[in-house]
């Protein structure tokens, strides 16, 4: 009968809607995890950049000390 057919169709539509809702929720969680990972990579990159800058400065300081030491050795 028609009411049974309609009830079955409504059940199927409800199940499909629930599945879509679960998929959207999963996608939202996945997007959030990706955003968190990108944030972590950004932080790591900034830290690496800062470390490289510090190493560059330390190398420049060491070069100045080496030059000064060489000048002292040449004077003697």
N, C-alpha and C. Protein backbone atom coordinates (compact mmCIF):
# COMPACT_ATOMS: atom_id res chain seq x y z
N UNK A 1 0.83 -1.19 0.00
CA UNK A 1 0.00 0.00 0.00
C UNK A 1 0.87 1.25 0.00
N UNK A 2 0.27 2.37 -0.33
CA UNK A 2 1.02 3.62 -0.55
C UNK A 2 1.66 4.15 0.73
N UNK A 3 0.97 4.02 1.86
CA UNK A 3 1.54 4.55 3.11
C UNK A 3 2.78 3.75 3.53
N UNK A 4 2.82 2.49 3.26
CA UNK A 4 3.99 1.67 3.57
C UNK A 4 5.16 2.09 2.67
N UNK A 5 4.87 2.34 1.41
CA UNK A 5 5.89 2.78 0.47
C UNK A 5 6.46 4.13 0.88
N UNK A 6 5.58 5.05 1.27
CA UNK A 6 6.01 6.39 1.72
C UNK A 6 6.82 6.26 3.00
N UNK A 7 6.39 5.45 3.92
CA UNK A 7 7.11 5.26 5.18
C UNK A 7 8.50 4.69 4.91
N UNK A 8 8.60 3.73 4.00
CA UNK A 8 9.90 3.17 3.64
C UNK A 8 10.80 4.21 3.01
N UNK A 9 10.24 5.04 2.14
CA UNK A 9 11.02 6.09 1.50
C UNK A 9 11.50 7.12 2.52
N UNK A 10 10.65 7.46 3.46
CA UNK A 10 11.02 8.41 4.51
C UNK A 10 12.14 7.81 5.37
N UNK A 11 12.05 6.54 5.68
CA UNK A 11 13.11 5.87 6.45
C UNK A 11 14.44 5.93 5.70
N UNK A 12 14.40 5.63 4.41
CA UNK A 12 15.62 5.66 3.61
C UNK A 12 16.20 7.08 3.55
N UNK A 13 15.32 8.05 3.39
CA UNK A 13 15.77 9.44 3.33
C UNK A 13 16.38 9.87 4.66
N UNK A 14 15.79 9.44 5.75
CA UNK A 14 16.32 9.76 7.07
C UNK A 14 17.68 9.12 7.27
N UNK A 15 17.83 7.87 6.86
CA UNK A 15 19.11 7.18 6.98
C UNK A 15 20.17 7.88 6.13
N UNK A 16 19.80 8.27 4.93
CA UNK A 16 20.73 8.97 4.04
C UNK A 16 21.14 10.31 4.63
N UNK A 17 20.19 11.04 5.16
CA UNK A 17 20.47 12.33 5.79
C UNK A 17 21.39 12.17 6.98
N UNK A 18 21.16 11.14 7.78
CA UNK A 18 22.03 10.87 8.93
C UNK A 18 23.45 10.54 8.48
N UNK A 19 23.58 9.75 7.41
CA UNK A 19 24.89 9.40 6.88
C UNK A 19 25.61 10.64 6.35
N UNK A 20 24.90 11.50 5.67
CA UNK A 20 25.49 12.76 5.18
C UNK A 20 25.95 13.60 6.36
N UNK A 21 25.16 13.66 7.38
CA UNK A 21 25.51 14.43 8.58
C UNK A 21 26.78 13.89 9.23
N UNK A 22 26.90 12.56 9.33
CA UNK A 22 28.11 11.94 9.89
C UNK A 22 29.33 12.26 9.02
N UNK A 23 29.15 12.18 7.71
CA UNK A 23 30.26 12.48 6.80
C UNK A 23 30.71 13.93 6.92
N UNK A 24 29.77 14.84 7.05
CA UNK A 24 30.11 16.25 7.21
C UNK A 24 30.85 16.47 8.52
N UNK A 25 30.41 15.80 9.58
CA UNK A 25 31.09 15.91 10.86
C UNK A 25 32.51 15.36 10.79
N UNK A 26 32.67 14.22 10.12
CA UNK A 26 34.01 13.65 9.94
C UNK A 26 34.91 14.59 9.15
N UNK A 27 34.36 15.18 8.10
CA UNK A 27 35.14 16.11 7.28
C UNK A 27 35.55 17.33 8.10
N UNK A 28 34.65 17.82 8.94
CA UNK A 28 34.97 18.98 9.78
C UNK A 28 36.08 18.63 10.77
N UNK A 29 36.02 17.44 11.36
CA UNK A 29 37.09 17.01 12.27
C UNK A 29 38.42 16.90 11.53
N UNK A 30 38.37 16.33 10.33
CA UNK A 30 39.58 16.20 9.52
C UNK A 30 40.17 17.56 9.18
N UNK A 31 39.32 18.50 8.85
CA UNK A 31 39.78 19.85 8.54
C UNK A 31 40.42 20.49 9.77
N UNK A 32 39.84 20.29 10.92
CA UNK A 32 40.40 20.83 12.16
C UNK A 32 41.77 20.23 12.44
N UNK A 33 41.91 18.93 12.23
CA UNK A 33 43.21 18.28 12.44
C UNK A 33 44.25 18.82 11.47
N UNK A 34 43.86 19.04 10.23
CA UNK A 34 44.78 19.60 9.23
C UNK A 34 45.21 21.00 9.66
N UNK A 35 44.27 21.81 10.12
CA UNK A 35 44.61 23.15 10.58
C UNK A 35 45.60 23.11 11.75
N UNK A 36 45.39 22.18 12.66
CA UNK A 36 46.31 22.05 13.80
C UNK A 36 47.70 21.62 13.34
N UNK A 37 47.75 20.70 12.37
CA UNK A 37 49.03 20.26 11.84
C UNK A 37 49.75 21.40 11.13
N UNK A 38 49.02 22.17 10.35
CA UNK A 38 49.62 23.32 9.66
C UNK A 38 50.16 24.32 10.67
N UNK A 39 49.42 24.54 11.73
CA UNK A 39 49.87 25.44 12.78
C UNK A 39 51.17 24.94 13.40
N UNK A 40 51.25 23.63 13.64
CA UNK A 40 52.47 23.04 14.20
C UNK A 40 53.65 23.18 13.25
N UNK A 41 53.41 22.99 11.96
CA UNK A 41 54.48 23.14 10.97
C UNK A 41 54.94 24.60 10.92
N UNK A 42 53.99 25.52 10.99
CA UNK A 42 54.34 26.95 10.97
C UNK A 42 55.21 27.30 12.17
N UNK A 43 54.83 26.81 13.33
CA UNK A 43 55.62 27.06 14.55
C UNK A 43 57.02 26.48 14.42
N UNK A 44 57.12 25.27 13.90
CA UNK A 44 58.42 24.63 13.72
C UNK A 44 59.28 25.41 12.72
N UNK A 45 58.67 25.88 11.65
CA UNK A 45 59.40 26.65 10.64
C UNK A 45 59.91 27.96 11.22
N UNK A 46 59.09 28.62 12.02
CA UNK A 46 59.51 29.87 12.66
C UNK A 46 60.68 29.61 13.61
N UNK A 47 60.60 28.53 14.36
CA UNK A 47 61.66 28.18 15.29
C UNK A 47 62.95 27.86 14.53
N UNK A 48 62.83 27.13 13.44
CA UNK A 48 64.00 26.81 12.62
C UNK A 48 64.62 28.06 12.04
N UNK A 49 63.79 28.97 11.58
CA UNK A 49 64.29 30.22 11.02
C UNK A 49 65.02 31.04 12.08
N UNK A 50 64.46 31.09 13.26
CA UNK A 50 65.11 31.82 14.36
C UNK A 50 66.45 31.17 14.70
N UNK A 51 66.49 29.85 14.75
CA UNK A 51 67.72 29.14 15.03
C UNK A 51 68.77 29.41 13.95
N UNK A 52 68.36 29.44 12.70
CA UNK A 52 69.29 29.72 11.61
C UNK A 52 69.85 31.13 11.73
N UNK A 53 69.02 32.07 12.09
CA UNK A 53 69.48 33.45 12.28
C UNK A 53 70.50 33.53 13.40
N UNK A 54 70.23 32.83 14.49
CA UNK A 54 71.17 32.82 15.62
C UNK A 54 72.50 32.17 15.24
N UNK A 55 72.43 31.09 14.47
CA UNK A 55 73.66 30.44 14.01
C UNK A 55 74.44 31.36 13.09
N UNK A 56 73.74 32.05 12.22
CA UNK A 56 74.41 32.99 11.31
C UNK A 56 75.12 34.08 12.11
N UNK A 57 74.47 34.61 13.14
CA UNK A 57 75.08 35.64 13.97
C UNK A 57 76.29 35.09 14.72
N UNK A 58 76.15 33.88 15.26
CA UNK A 58 77.26 33.26 15.97
C UNK A 58 78.44 33.03 15.03
N UNK A 59 78.16 32.63 13.79
CA UNK A 59 79.23 32.44 12.81
C UNK A 59 79.93 33.75 12.49
N UNK A 60 79.17 34.82 12.35
CA UNK A 60 79.77 36.13 12.09
C UNK A 60 80.64 36.57 13.27
N UNK A 61 80.15 36.33 14.48
CA UNK A 61 80.93 36.67 15.68
C UNK A 61 82.22 35.86 15.73
N UNK A 62 82.13 34.58 15.40
CA UNK A 62 83.30 33.72 15.40
C UNK A 62 84.31 34.17 14.35
N UNK A 63 83.82 34.59 13.19
CA UNK A 63 84.72 35.08 12.14
C UNK A 63 85.46 36.34 12.61
N UNK A 64 84.74 37.22 13.31
CA UNK A 64 85.39 38.42 13.84
C UNK A 64 86.47 38.06 14.85
N UNK A 65 86.15 37.10 15.73
CA UNK A 65 87.14 36.65 16.72
C UNK A 65 88.35 36.01 16.04
N UNK A 66 88.12 35.23 15.01
CA UNK A 66 89.22 34.59 14.29
C UNK A 66 90.10 35.65 13.63
N UNK A 67 89.49 36.68 13.07
CA UNK A 67 90.27 37.76 12.46
C UNK A 67 91.08 38.50 13.51
N UNK A 68 90.45 38.77 14.65
CA UNK A 68 91.16 39.46 15.73
C UNK A 68 92.31 38.61 16.24
N UNK A 69 92.11 37.33 16.39
CA UNK A 69 93.17 36.43 16.83
C UNK A 69 94.31 36.38 15.82
N UNK A 70 93.97 36.34 14.56
CA UNK A 70 94.98 36.34 13.50
C UNK A 70 95.80 37.61 13.54
N UNK A 71 95.13 38.73 13.75
CA UNK A 71 95.84 40.03 13.88
C UNK A 71 96.79 40.00 15.06
N UNK A 72 96.36 39.42 16.18
CA UNK A 72 97.23 39.33 17.35
C UNK A 72 98.45 38.44 17.08
N UNK A 73 98.23 37.34 16.38
CA UNK A 73 99.31 36.43 16.08
C UNK A 73 100.33 37.10 15.14
N UNK A 74 99.84 37.88 14.19
CA UNK A 74 100.71 38.56 13.23
C UNK A 74 101.58 39.63 13.91
N UNK A 75 101.07 40.24 14.97
CA UNK A 75 101.80 41.30 15.67
C UNK A 75 103.00 40.74 16.39
N UNK A 76 102.93 39.52 16.80
CA UNK A 76 104.04 38.92 17.58
C UNK A 76 105.07 38.38 16.71
